Every structure is written in C-alpha cells, then in structure tokens.
C-alpha cells in the first residue's frame, strides 16, 4: 500500500493510507451527484423576473384581472437540454377574466417555471389559490406538475406575488431567489485524521 503525507487543518503532517478515505466516499458521491444534477437542471444566466412594462391591473369587483411580469433573456438547462429563452416583456400570468378568489385584501403567488417537453423548453406560469394577504402560499410541486404535465421535467425561475390592496388597486413583487443553484452542504475538509 502506498502512503501519502497530507496537511491537516492544524497544519501538521500525517501519514495516511488510502483506506482512511473510505468513510468519505458517501460525502464525495453526494457532492458529485449535486454537480451532475446542477448541470442537468440550472439557469446559467439571466431569467430575472421584474416589474412588468405594462402594469398589472384589476377592474372593479369581479372584473378582469391582468397580471404581467417581465423576465430577462436567459440561458438554462432543463433535463440536460440547453435553451436560450428571449426576453419576455409582459409575460402573462393571468388575463381575460377575474382571478377567482382575488378579493380586496387578498394575494396570489404564481411560480414561473421552465418546462421540457420532448426537448423543447418553454416558460409557463402556475398560479396557487388566492388567500388573505399574509396567508397566501406558493404552488406546490404537484400543482406545478399538473400544469407542466406528469413526466415532463421543469425548474422554477421565480415566484411572483399579486396583492389586491383595494377594489381596483394591485401591487406585485417578484422573488428570484428560488432558482436551482449549485450548493451542497458537505464538509470536504476531511478533518484531522
């Protein structure tokens, strides 16, 4: 068996055997699986959701709700298929009818997702059920899968929230912190043997 000297975190040298690494094999496997998964499902650039060019609106009572969001151009990979998606100005989350349940003092969260259907990547939005502002929840994975259709891969770009603050007044926010990122909580320092 060969042996090597390695500097430990205490800056001391120690002779170790390759078998000393056996206990780290699961940690190292987890790390590399995370990298593999990230390269199959990630956003490499762009895809930032922001306030729409044409503001969202609500007609009086149960009139039409118009909910838009702008999304910057992006480069993404979904299920190993890479795509460039053009800028989406006024991407429609909801239009043409009343957003059922969006009464005064209520809010709704929508997830913006990229889906891969037979190698074609496209952006869709999935709305949750509106609820009293402060108690609204984002769409669940099963709700998203119902829209992208079972068996199709998808990744989340952002979550957008529409708040109805008065009869004909809405405000909106975007959360861009939910996209897949490369990150593994694995200690690869290997400690002191």
N, C-alpha and C. Protein backbone atom coordinates (compact mmCIF):
# COMPACT_ATOMS: atom_id res chain seq x y z
N UNK A 1 0.82 -1.18 0.00
CA UNK A 1 0.00 0.00 0.00
C UNK A 1 0.86 1.25 0.00
N UNK A 2 0.43 2.25 -0.73
CA UNK A 2 1.18 3.49 -0.71
C UNK A 2 0.66 4.37 0.41
N UNK A 3 1.47 5.26 0.84
CA UNK A 3 1.04 6.22 1.84
C UNK A 3 1.47 7.60 1.39
N UNK A 4 0.71 8.61 1.83
CA UNK A 4 1.00 9.98 1.46
C UNK A 4 0.96 10.85 2.69
N UNK A 5 1.60 11.99 2.61
CA UNK A 5 1.56 12.95 3.70
C UNK A 5 0.54 14.01 3.32
N UNK A 6 -0.28 14.41 4.26
CA UNK A 6 -1.29 15.41 3.99
C UNK A 6 -1.27 16.44 5.11
N UNK A 7 -1.47 17.70 4.74
CA UNK A 7 -1.56 18.75 5.76
C UNK A 7 -2.97 18.74 6.32
N UNK A 8 -3.08 18.73 7.63
CA UNK A 8 -4.39 18.75 8.27
C UNK A 8 -4.76 20.18 8.57
N UNK A 9 -5.96 20.40 9.09
CA UNK A 9 -6.39 21.75 9.39
C UNK A 9 -5.54 22.39 10.47
N UNK A 10 -4.80 21.60 11.24
CA UNK A 10 -3.92 22.15 12.27
C UNK A 10 -2.50 22.36 11.71
N UNK A 11 -2.37 22.29 10.37
CA UNK A 11 -1.08 22.47 9.70
C UNK A 11 -0.02 21.50 10.18
N UNK A 12 -0.40 20.31 10.48
CA UNK A 12 0.52 19.24 10.85
C UNK A 12 0.51 18.23 9.72
N UNK A 13 1.59 17.51 9.56
CA UNK A 13 1.61 16.45 8.55
C UNK A 13 1.33 15.12 9.21
N UNK A 14 0.66 14.25 8.47
CA UNK A 14 0.33 12.93 8.97
C UNK A 14 0.43 11.95 7.82
N UNK A 15 0.93 10.79 8.06
CA UNK A 15 0.96 9.74 7.06
C UNK A 15 -0.38 9.02 7.12
N UNK A 16 -1.05 8.88 5.97
CA UNK A 16 -2.32 8.16 5.95
C UNK A 16 -2.32 7.13 4.85
N UNK A 17 -3.23 6.22 4.97
CA UNK A 17 -3.40 5.15 4.00
C UNK A 17 -4.65 5.47 3.16
N UNK A 18 -4.72 4.96 1.93
CA UNK A 18 -5.92 5.18 1.11
C UNK A 18 -7.20 4.75 1.82
N UNK A 19 -7.12 3.76 2.69
CA UNK A 19 -8.33 3.31 3.40
C UNK A 19 -8.87 4.40 4.33
N UNK A 20 -8.04 5.39 4.69
CA UNK A 20 -8.52 6.50 5.52
C UNK A 20 -9.62 7.28 4.80
N UNK A 21 -9.68 7.20 3.48
CA UNK A 21 -10.66 7.95 2.70
C UNK A 21 -11.99 7.22 2.57
N UNK A 22 -12.05 5.95 2.96
CA UNK A 22 -13.27 5.17 2.77
C UNK A 22 -14.49 5.83 3.39
N UNK A 23 -14.35 6.40 4.57
CA UNK A 23 -15.51 6.99 5.24
C UNK A 23 -16.03 8.24 4.53
N UNK A 24 -15.25 8.78 3.62
CA UNK A 24 -15.68 9.97 2.89
C UNK A 24 -16.36 9.66 1.57
N UNK A 25 -16.39 8.40 1.17
CA UNK A 25 -16.91 8.07 -0.15
C UNK A 25 -18.36 8.51 -0.35
N UNK A 26 -19.22 8.38 0.66
CA UNK A 26 -20.61 8.82 0.52
C UNK A 26 -20.70 10.33 0.38
N UNK A 27 -19.88 11.06 1.12
CA UNK A 27 -19.88 12.52 1.04
C UNK A 27 -19.41 12.97 -0.34
N UNK A 28 -18.36 12.36 -0.83
CA UNK A 28 -17.84 12.72 -2.15
C UNK A 28 -18.85 12.36 -3.23
N UNK A 29 -19.51 11.23 -3.11
CA UNK A 29 -20.54 10.83 -4.08
C UNK A 29 -21.68 11.84 -4.08
N UNK A 30 -22.10 12.30 -2.90
CA UNK A 30 -23.17 13.30 -2.79
C UNK A 30 -22.76 14.59 -3.49
N UNK A 31 -21.54 15.00 -3.27
CA UNK A 31 -21.01 16.22 -3.89
C UNK A 31 -21.07 16.12 -5.41
N UNK A 32 -20.56 15.04 -5.97
CA UNK A 32 -20.55 14.91 -7.43
C UNK A 32 -21.95 14.72 -8.01
N UNK A 33 -22.85 14.09 -7.28
CA UNK A 33 -24.23 13.96 -7.75
C UNK A 33 -24.89 15.34 -7.80
N UNK A 34 -24.58 16.18 -6.83
CA UNK A 34 -25.10 17.54 -6.83
C UNK A 34 -24.62 18.31 -8.06
N UNK A 35 -23.35 18.18 -8.40
CA UNK A 35 -22.81 18.85 -9.58
C UNK A 35 -23.49 18.31 -10.84
N UNK A 36 -23.67 17.00 -10.93
CA UNK A 36 -24.33 16.41 -12.10
C UNK A 36 -25.76 16.93 -12.24
N UNK A 37 -26.49 16.95 -11.13
CA UNK A 37 -27.86 17.43 -11.15
C UNK A 37 -27.92 18.90 -11.56
N UNK A 38 -27.00 19.70 -11.02
CA UNK A 38 -26.97 21.12 -11.36
C UNK A 38 -26.75 21.32 -12.85
N UNK A 39 -25.87 20.57 -13.45
CA UNK A 39 -25.60 20.74 -14.88
C UNK A 39 -26.75 20.23 -15.74
N UNK A 40 -27.62 19.40 -15.21
CA UNK A 40 -28.79 18.93 -15.95
C UNK A 40 -29.98 19.87 -15.78
N UNK A 41 -30.04 20.63 -14.69
CA UNK A 41 -31.20 21.47 -14.37
C UNK A 41 -30.72 22.75 -13.70
N UNK A 42 -30.47 23.79 -14.51
CA UNK A 42 -29.98 25.03 -13.92
C UNK A 42 -30.21 26.20 -14.86
N UNK A 43 -30.06 27.39 -14.28
CA UNK A 43 -30.09 28.62 -15.05
C UNK A 43 -28.67 29.16 -15.05
N UNK A 44 -28.07 29.25 -16.22
CA UNK A 44 -26.70 29.70 -16.32
C UNK A 44 -26.59 31.22 -16.35
N UNK A 45 -27.59 31.90 -16.89
CA UNK A 45 -27.55 33.36 -16.97
C UNK A 45 -28.95 33.90 -17.16
N UNK A 46 -29.18 35.09 -16.59
CA UNK A 46 -30.44 35.81 -16.81
C UNK A 46 -31.64 35.17 -16.12
N UNK A 47 -32.81 35.41 -16.73
CA UNK A 47 -34.04 34.86 -16.19
C UNK A 47 -34.54 35.58 -14.95
N UNK A 48 -34.27 36.87 -14.85
CA UNK A 48 -34.69 37.64 -13.68
C UNK A 48 -36.09 38.21 -13.92
N UNK A 49 -37.02 37.88 -13.04
CA UNK A 49 -38.37 38.41 -13.12
C UNK A 49 -38.38 39.80 -12.50
N UNK A 50 -39.09 40.74 -13.14
CA UNK A 50 -39.14 42.11 -12.64
C UNK A 50 -40.51 42.72 -12.94
N UNK A 51 -40.71 43.95 -12.47
CA UNK A 51 -41.98 44.63 -12.69
C UNK A 51 -42.28 44.68 -14.19
N UNK A 52 -43.55 44.51 -14.56
CA UNK A 52 -43.91 44.48 -15.98
C UNK A 52 -43.81 45.85 -16.64
N UNK A 53 -43.62 45.82 -17.94
CA UNK A 53 -43.61 47.06 -18.72
C UNK A 53 -45.00 47.69 -18.68
N UNK A 54 -46.02 46.88 -18.87
CA UNK A 54 -47.41 47.32 -18.75
C UNK A 54 -47.91 46.80 -17.41
N UNK A 55 -48.19 47.70 -16.48
CA UNK A 55 -48.56 47.32 -15.13
C UNK A 55 -49.74 46.37 -15.06
N UNK A 56 -49.73 45.54 -14.04
CA UNK A 56 -50.87 44.65 -13.79
C UNK A 56 -52.03 45.50 -13.32
N UNK A 57 -53.25 44.98 -13.48
CA UNK A 57 -54.43 45.78 -13.13
C UNK A 57 -55.59 44.88 -12.71
N UNK A 58 -56.55 45.52 -12.06
CA UNK A 58 -57.77 44.84 -11.62
C UNK A 58 -58.95 45.77 -11.89
N UNK A 59 -59.92 45.30 -12.67
CA UNK A 59 -61.13 46.08 -12.86
C UNK A 59 -62.02 45.92 -11.61
N UNK A 60 -62.95 46.79 -11.44
CA UNK A 60 -63.78 46.82 -10.24
C UNK A 60 -64.52 45.50 -10.01
N UNK A 61 -64.74 45.18 -8.74
CA UNK A 61 -65.48 43.97 -8.36
C UNK A 61 -64.82 42.70 -8.88
N UNK A 62 -65.61 41.96 -9.68
CA UNK A 62 -65.08 40.72 -10.26
C UNK A 62 -64.71 40.92 -11.72
N UNK A 63 -64.27 42.15 -12.05
CA UNK A 63 -63.83 42.44 -13.41
C UNK A 63 -62.50 41.75 -13.70
N UNK A 64 -62.05 41.90 -14.92
CA UNK A 64 -60.83 41.22 -15.37
C UNK A 64 -59.61 41.57 -14.52
N UNK A 65 -58.81 40.55 -14.25
CA UNK A 65 -57.51 40.71 -13.61
C UNK A 65 -56.46 40.53 -14.69
N UNK A 66 -55.55 41.49 -14.79
CA UNK A 66 -54.43 41.37 -15.73
C UNK A 66 -53.15 41.36 -14.90
N UNK A 67 -52.40 40.27 -14.99
CA UNK A 67 -51.19 40.09 -14.19
C UNK A 67 -50.04 39.77 -15.13
N UNK A 68 -49.11 40.71 -15.24
CA UNK A 68 -47.96 40.58 -16.13
C UNK A 68 -46.67 40.61 -15.33
N UNK A 69 -45.61 40.12 -15.95
CA UNK A 69 -44.27 40.21 -15.38
C UNK A 69 -43.27 40.23 -16.54
N UNK A 70 -42.20 41.00 -16.38
CA UNK A 70 -41.11 40.97 -17.36
C UNK A 70 -40.07 39.97 -16.88
N UNK A 71 -39.48 39.22 -17.81
CA UNK A 71 -38.43 38.26 -17.49
C UNK A 71 -37.28 38.50 -18.47
N UNK A 72 -36.08 38.71 -17.92
CA UNK A 72 -34.92 38.95 -18.79
C UNK A 72 -34.57 37.69 -19.58
N UNK A 73 -33.87 37.88 -20.69
CA UNK A 73 -33.41 36.74 -21.50
C UNK A 73 -32.62 35.79 -20.62
N UNK A 74 -32.67 34.50 -20.93
CA UNK A 74 -31.96 33.56 -20.08
C UNK A 74 -31.39 32.41 -20.87
N UNK A 75 -30.37 31.82 -20.26
CA UNK A 75 -29.75 30.60 -20.75
C UNK A 75 -29.95 29.57 -19.66
N UNK A 76 -30.62 28.48 -19.98
CA UNK A 76 -30.95 27.48 -18.97
C UNK A 76 -30.84 26.07 -19.54
N UNK A 77 -30.73 25.13 -18.61
CA UNK A 77 -30.72 23.72 -18.96
C UNK A 77 -31.80 23.02 -18.14
N UNK A 78 -32.67 22.29 -18.82
CA UNK A 78 -33.72 21.52 -18.16
C UNK A 78 -33.62 20.09 -18.66
N UNK A 79 -33.38 19.17 -17.75
CA UNK A 79 -33.22 17.75 -18.08
C UNK A 79 -32.13 17.54 -19.13
N UNK A 80 -31.06 18.32 -19.01
CA UNK A 80 -29.93 18.15 -19.90
C UNK A 80 -30.05 18.85 -21.24
N UNK A 81 -31.18 19.51 -21.51
CA UNK A 81 -31.38 20.23 -22.76
C UNK A 81 -31.18 21.72 -22.50
N UNK A 82 -30.21 22.31 -23.22
CA UNK A 82 -29.93 23.72 -23.02
C UNK A 82 -30.73 24.55 -24.00
N UNK A 83 -31.20 25.72 -23.52
CA UNK A 83 -32.00 26.60 -24.38
C UNK A 83 -31.73 28.05 -24.04
N UNK A 84 -31.83 28.89 -25.07
CA UNK A 84 -31.81 30.33 -24.89
C UNK A 84 -33.25 30.80 -25.02
N UNK A 85 -33.72 31.49 -23.99
CA UNK A 85 -35.10 32.00 -23.99
C UNK A 85 -35.02 33.52 -24.12
N UNK A 86 -35.75 34.07 -25.07
CA UNK A 86 -35.73 35.52 -25.31
C UNK A 86 -36.38 36.28 -24.16
N UNK A 87 -36.12 37.56 -24.12
CA UNK A 87 -36.75 38.45 -23.15
C UNK A 87 -38.26 38.27 -23.25
N UNK A 88 -38.92 38.20 -22.11
CA UNK A 88 -40.39 38.11 -22.08
C UNK A 88 -40.92 39.42 -21.49
N UNK A 89 -41.37 40.31 -22.37
CA UNK A 89 -41.95 41.58 -21.92
C UNK A 89 -43.44 41.33 -21.70
N UNK A 90 -43.91 41.66 -20.51
CA UNK A 90 -45.32 41.46 -20.15
C UNK A 90 -45.77 40.02 -20.31
N UNK A 91 -44.93 39.09 -19.83
CA UNK A 91 -45.35 37.68 -19.80
C UNK A 91 -46.65 37.61 -19.01
N UNK A 92 -47.66 37.03 -19.57
CA UNK A 92 -48.99 36.99 -18.94
C UNK A 92 -49.10 35.83 -17.96
N UNK A 93 -49.29 36.18 -16.70
CA UNK A 93 -49.58 35.16 -15.69
C UNK A 93 -51.08 34.90 -15.65
N UNK A 94 -51.87 35.96 -15.82
CA UNK A 94 -53.33 35.82 -15.87
C UNK A 94 -53.89 37.00 -16.66
N UNK A 95 -54.88 36.74 -17.50
CA UNK A 95 -55.53 37.81 -18.27
C UNK A 95 -56.87 37.31 -18.80
N UNK A 96 -57.76 38.26 -19.09
CA UNK A 96 -59.00 37.95 -19.78
C UNK A 96 -60.16 37.54 -18.91
N UNK A 97 -59.95 37.43 -17.61
CA UNK A 97 -61.05 37.06 -16.71
C UNK A 97 -60.67 37.46 -15.29
N UNK A 98 -61.61 37.34 -14.38
CA UNK A 98 -61.35 37.61 -12.97
C UNK A 98 -60.52 36.45 -12.41
N UNK A 99 -59.49 36.78 -11.64
CA UNK A 99 -58.70 35.76 -10.96
C UNK A 99 -59.51 35.33 -9.74
N UNK A 100 -60.21 34.22 -9.87
CA UNK A 100 -61.14 33.75 -8.84
C UNK A 100 -60.48 33.72 -7.47
N UNK A 101 -61.14 34.36 -6.51
CA UNK A 101 -60.65 34.38 -5.14
C UNK A 101 -59.80 35.59 -4.80
N UNK A 102 -59.46 36.42 -5.79
CA UNK A 102 -58.62 37.59 -5.53
C UNK A 102 -59.51 38.77 -5.10
N UNK A 103 -60.02 38.69 -3.87
CA UNK A 103 -60.86 39.75 -3.32
C UNK A 103 -59.97 40.84 -2.73
N UNK A 104 -60.58 41.97 -2.36
CA UNK A 104 -59.82 43.02 -1.68
C UNK A 104 -59.12 42.42 -0.47
N UNK A 105 -57.84 42.76 -0.28
CA UNK A 105 -57.10 42.26 0.88
C UNK A 105 -56.57 40.85 0.71
N UNK A 106 -56.56 40.36 -0.51
CA UNK A 106 -56.02 39.01 -0.73
C UNK A 106 -54.85 39.07 -1.72
N UNK A 107 -54.11 37.97 -1.76
CA UNK A 107 -52.93 37.88 -2.61
C UNK A 107 -52.85 36.50 -3.25
N UNK A 108 -52.07 36.42 -4.31
CA UNK A 108 -51.87 35.15 -5.00
C UNK A 108 -50.40 35.06 -5.41
N UNK A 109 -49.83 33.87 -5.27
CA UNK A 109 -48.46 33.62 -5.70
C UNK A 109 -48.50 32.71 -6.93
N UNK A 110 -47.67 33.06 -7.91
CA UNK A 110 -47.53 32.24 -9.11
C UNK A 110 -46.06 31.85 -9.25
N UNK A 111 -45.82 30.64 -9.68
CA UNK A 111 -44.46 30.18 -9.96
C UNK A 111 -44.22 30.30 -11.46
N UNK A 112 -43.08 30.90 -11.82
CA UNK A 112 -42.64 30.90 -13.21
C UNK A 112 -41.69 29.72 -13.36
N UNK A 113 -41.98 28.85 -14.30
CA UNK A 113 -41.16 27.65 -14.47
C UNK A 113 -40.79 27.47 -15.93
N UNK A 114 -39.67 26.80 -16.14
CA UNK A 114 -39.29 26.34 -17.47
C UNK A 114 -39.61 24.86 -17.52
N UNK A 115 -40.28 24.44 -18.58
CA UNK A 115 -40.59 23.02 -18.72
C UNK A 115 -39.94 22.48 -19.98
N UNK A 116 -39.61 21.20 -19.94
CA UNK A 116 -39.00 20.50 -21.06
C UNK A 116 -40.00 19.45 -21.54
N UNK A 117 -40.56 19.68 -22.70
CA UNK A 117 -41.49 18.72 -23.30
C UNK A 117 -40.85 18.21 -24.59
N UNK A 118 -40.41 16.98 -24.57
CA UNK A 118 -39.78 16.33 -25.74
C UNK A 118 -38.62 17.16 -26.30
N UNK A 119 -37.83 17.76 -25.40
CA UNK A 119 -36.65 18.51 -25.83
C UNK A 119 -36.90 19.97 -26.15
N UNK A 120 -38.14 20.43 -26.01
CA UNK A 120 -38.46 21.84 -26.24
C UNK A 120 -38.69 22.52 -24.91
N UNK A 121 -37.92 23.58 -24.65
CA UNK A 121 -38.00 24.32 -23.39
C UNK A 121 -38.91 25.52 -23.58
N UNK A 122 -39.87 25.71 -22.67
CA UNK A 122 -40.74 26.89 -22.72
C UNK A 122 -41.05 27.34 -21.29
N UNK A 123 -41.47 28.60 -21.18
CA UNK A 123 -41.79 29.18 -19.88
C UNK A 123 -43.31 29.19 -19.68
N UNK A 124 -43.74 28.76 -18.51
CA UNK A 124 -45.16 28.79 -18.14
C UNK A 124 -45.28 29.33 -16.72
N UNK A 125 -46.47 29.77 -16.40
CA UNK A 125 -46.73 30.22 -15.03
C UNK A 125 -47.81 29.34 -14.42
N UNK A 126 -47.68 29.10 -13.12
CA UNK A 126 -48.62 28.25 -12.38
C UNK A 126 -49.08 29.03 -11.16
N UNK A 127 -50.38 29.31 -11.11
CA UNK A 127 -50.94 30.09 -10.00
C UNK A 127 -51.43 29.18 -8.87
N UNK A 128 -51.19 29.64 -7.64
CA UNK A 128 -51.79 28.98 -6.48
C UNK A 128 -53.16 29.60 -6.26
N UNK A 129 -53.87 29.13 -5.26
CA UNK A 129 -55.18 29.70 -4.92
C UNK A 129 -54.97 30.98 -4.11
N UNK A 130 -55.64 32.08 -4.50
CA UNK A 130 -55.51 33.31 -3.72
C UNK A 130 -56.00 33.10 -2.27
N UNK A 131 -55.42 33.87 -1.37
CA UNK A 131 -55.80 33.79 0.04
C UNK A 131 -55.60 35.18 0.67
N UNK A 132 -56.10 35.34 1.88
CA UNK A 132 -55.93 36.60 2.60
C UNK A 132 -54.44 36.94 2.62
N UNK A 133 -54.13 38.20 2.31
CA UNK A 133 -52.73 38.63 2.27
C UNK A 133 -52.03 38.27 3.58
N UNK A 134 -50.89 37.63 3.44
CA UNK A 134 -50.13 37.16 4.59
C UNK A 134 -50.27 35.67 4.80
N UNK A 135 -51.33 35.08 4.26
CA UNK A 135 -51.52 33.63 4.41
C UNK A 135 -51.47 32.91 3.06
N UNK A 136 -51.14 33.65 2.00
CA UNK A 136 -51.04 33.04 0.67
C UNK A 136 -49.85 32.09 0.63
N UNK A 137 -49.96 31.05 -0.17
CA UNK A 137 -48.87 30.09 -0.32
C UNK A 137 -48.56 29.91 -1.81
N UNK A 138 -47.34 29.50 -2.07
CA UNK A 138 -46.89 29.26 -3.45
C UNK A 138 -47.46 27.95 -3.95
N UNK A 139 -47.52 27.78 -5.25
CA UNK A 139 -47.96 26.50 -5.81
C UNK A 139 -47.03 25.37 -5.35
N UNK A 140 -47.62 24.24 -5.06
CA UNK A 140 -46.84 23.07 -4.64
C UNK A 140 -46.25 22.38 -5.86
N UNK A 141 -45.30 21.49 -5.64
CA UNK A 141 -44.74 20.73 -6.77
C UNK A 141 -45.82 19.94 -7.50
N UNK A 142 -46.76 19.26 -6.80
CA UNK A 142 -47.82 18.56 -7.54
C UNK A 142 -48.69 19.51 -8.37
N UNK A 143 -48.94 20.74 -7.88
CA UNK A 143 -49.72 21.70 -8.66
C UNK A 143 -48.94 22.13 -9.91
N UNK A 144 -47.64 22.32 -9.76
CA UNK A 144 -46.81 22.67 -10.92
C UNK A 144 -46.79 21.51 -11.92
N UNK A 145 -46.62 20.29 -11.41
CA UNK A 145 -46.57 19.12 -12.29
C UNK A 145 -47.89 18.91 -13.04
N UNK A 146 -49.01 19.30 -12.44
CA UNK A 146 -50.30 19.19 -13.12
C UNK A 146 -50.36 20.11 -14.34
N UNK A 147 -49.67 21.25 -14.27
CA UNK A 147 -49.67 22.19 -15.39
C UNK A 147 -48.63 21.80 -16.44
N UNK A 148 -47.44 21.40 -16.01
CA UNK A 148 -46.40 21.03 -16.99
C UNK A 148 -46.61 19.62 -17.52
N UNK A 149 -47.53 18.90 -16.96
CA UNK A 149 -47.92 17.53 -17.30
C UNK A 149 -46.92 16.52 -16.75
N UNK A 150 -47.46 15.52 -16.14
CA UNK A 150 -46.65 14.49 -15.49
C UNK A 150 -45.61 13.93 -16.45
N UNK A 151 -44.43 13.71 -15.93
CA UNK A 151 -43.36 13.13 -16.72
C UNK A 151 -42.48 14.15 -17.42
N UNK A 152 -42.90 15.41 -17.47
CA UNK A 152 -42.07 16.45 -18.07
C UNK A 152 -41.22 17.10 -16.99
N UNK A 153 -39.96 17.33 -17.29
CA UNK A 153 -39.07 17.97 -16.34
C UNK A 153 -39.31 19.47 -16.32
N UNK A 154 -39.02 20.09 -15.17
CA UNK A 154 -39.19 21.53 -15.03
C UNK A 154 -38.26 22.07 -13.95
N UNK A 155 -37.99 23.37 -14.03
CA UNK A 155 -37.26 24.08 -12.97
C UNK A 155 -37.96 25.41 -12.72
N UNK A 156 -37.89 25.87 -11.50
CA UNK A 156 -38.51 27.13 -11.12
C UNK A 156 -37.56 28.28 -11.40
N UNK A 157 -38.09 29.34 -12.01
CA UNK A 157 -37.32 30.56 -12.27
C UNK A 157 -37.53 31.54 -11.12
N UNK A 158 -38.79 31.76 -10.77
CA UNK A 158 -39.13 32.77 -9.76
C UNK A 158 -40.54 32.53 -9.25
N UNK A 159 -40.87 33.22 -8.18
CA UNK A 159 -42.26 33.28 -7.71
C UNK A 159 -42.69 34.74 -7.74
N UNK A 160 -43.88 34.99 -8.25
CA UNK A 160 -44.43 36.33 -8.35
C UNK A 160 -45.67 36.41 -7.48
N UNK A 161 -45.84 37.53 -6.80
CA UNK A 161 -47.00 37.70 -5.92
C UNK A 161 -47.79 38.92 -6.36
N UNK A 162 -49.10 38.75 -6.49
CA UNK A 162 -50.02 39.84 -6.81
C UNK A 162 -50.87 40.10 -5.58
N UNK A 163 -50.89 41.34 -5.10
CA UNK A 163 -51.67 41.73 -3.93
C UNK A 163 -52.78 42.68 -4.36
N UNK A 164 -54.02 42.35 -4.01
CA UNK A 164 -55.13 43.26 -4.29
C UNK A 164 -55.35 44.08 -3.02
N UNK A 165 -54.95 45.34 -3.09
CA UNK A 165 -54.99 46.19 -1.89
C UNK A 165 -56.26 47.02 -1.80
N UNK A 166 -56.99 47.15 -2.87
CA UNK A 166 -58.27 47.87 -2.89
C UNK A 166 -59.06 47.36 -4.10
N UNK A 167 -60.26 47.89 -4.29
CA UNK A 167 -61.13 47.37 -5.35
C UNK A 167 -60.43 47.32 -6.70
N UNK A 168 -59.76 48.38 -7.08
CA UNK A 168 -59.11 48.42 -8.40
C UNK A 168 -57.60 48.65 -8.29
N UNK A 169 -57.01 48.30 -7.16
CA UNK A 169 -55.57 48.52 -6.97
C UNK A 169 -54.86 47.21 -6.68
N UNK A 170 -53.81 46.94 -7.45
CA UNK A 170 -52.98 45.76 -7.20
C UNK A 170 -51.51 46.20 -7.15
N UNK A 171 -50.74 45.48 -6.36
CA UNK A 171 -49.29 45.65 -6.33
C UNK A 171 -48.68 44.28 -6.57
N UNK A 172 -47.41 44.27 -6.96
CA UNK A 172 -46.80 42.97 -7.21
C UNK A 172 -45.32 42.98 -6.84
N UNK A 173 -44.84 41.79 -6.50
CA UNK A 173 -43.42 41.60 -6.19
C UNK A 173 -42.95 40.31 -6.86
N UNK A 174 -41.63 40.20 -7.01
CA UNK A 174 -41.04 39.01 -7.61
C UNK A 174 -39.93 38.50 -6.69
N UNK A 175 -39.85 37.19 -6.53
CA UNK A 175 -38.80 36.56 -5.73
C UNK A 175 -37.95 35.70 -6.67
N UNK A 176 -36.71 36.16 -6.92
CA UNK A 176 -35.81 35.46 -7.84
C UNK A 176 -34.83 34.55 -7.12
N UNK A 177 -35.05 34.30 -5.84
CA UNK A 177 -34.10 33.52 -5.05
C UNK A 177 -34.43 32.03 -4.99
N UNK A 178 -35.36 31.57 -5.80
CA UNK A 178 -35.82 30.18 -5.71
C UNK A 178 -35.30 29.29 -6.83
N UNK A 179 -34.50 29.83 -7.70
CA UNK A 179 -33.97 29.06 -8.84
C UNK A 179 -32.96 28.04 -8.36
N UNK A 180 -32.77 26.98 -9.12
CA UNK A 180 -31.79 25.98 -8.71
C UNK A 180 -30.37 26.55 -8.75
N UNK A 181 -29.66 26.36 -7.67
CA UNK A 181 -28.27 26.81 -7.59
C UNK A 181 -27.41 25.63 -7.20
N UNK A 182 -26.14 25.73 -7.52
CA UNK A 182 -25.21 24.69 -7.12
C UNK A 182 -24.86 24.91 -5.67
N UNK A 183 -25.20 23.98 -4.85
CA UNK A 183 -24.89 24.12 -3.44
C UNK A 183 -25.08 22.80 -2.74
N UNK A 184 -24.08 22.39 -2.04
CA UNK A 184 -24.15 21.15 -1.29
C UNK A 184 -23.60 21.44 0.09
N UNK A 185 -24.31 21.05 1.08
CA UNK A 185 -23.84 21.24 2.44
C UNK A 185 -23.01 20.01 2.82
N UNK A 186 -21.81 19.96 2.29
CA UNK A 186 -20.93 18.82 2.52
C UNK A 186 -19.58 19.35 2.97
N UNK A 187 -19.07 18.83 4.06
CA UNK A 187 -17.76 19.21 4.57
C UNK A 187 -16.71 18.34 3.87
N UNK A 188 -15.98 18.96 2.95
CA UNK A 188 -14.95 18.22 2.23
C UNK A 188 -13.55 18.51 2.77
N UNK A 189 -13.50 19.15 3.95
CA UNK A 189 -12.19 19.47 4.51
C UNK A 189 -11.45 18.21 4.97
N UNK A 190 -12.18 17.12 5.15
CA UNK A 190 -11.66 15.83 5.56
C UNK A 190 -11.13 15.84 6.98
N UNK A 191 -11.23 16.94 7.67
CA UNK A 191 -10.89 16.99 9.10
C UNK A 191 -9.50 16.52 9.43
N UNK A 192 -9.28 16.26 10.68
CA UNK A 192 -8.00 15.72 11.16
C UNK A 192 -8.14 14.23 11.26
N UNK A 193 -7.34 13.50 10.52
CA UNK A 193 -7.41 12.04 10.57
C UNK A 193 -6.83 11.54 11.86
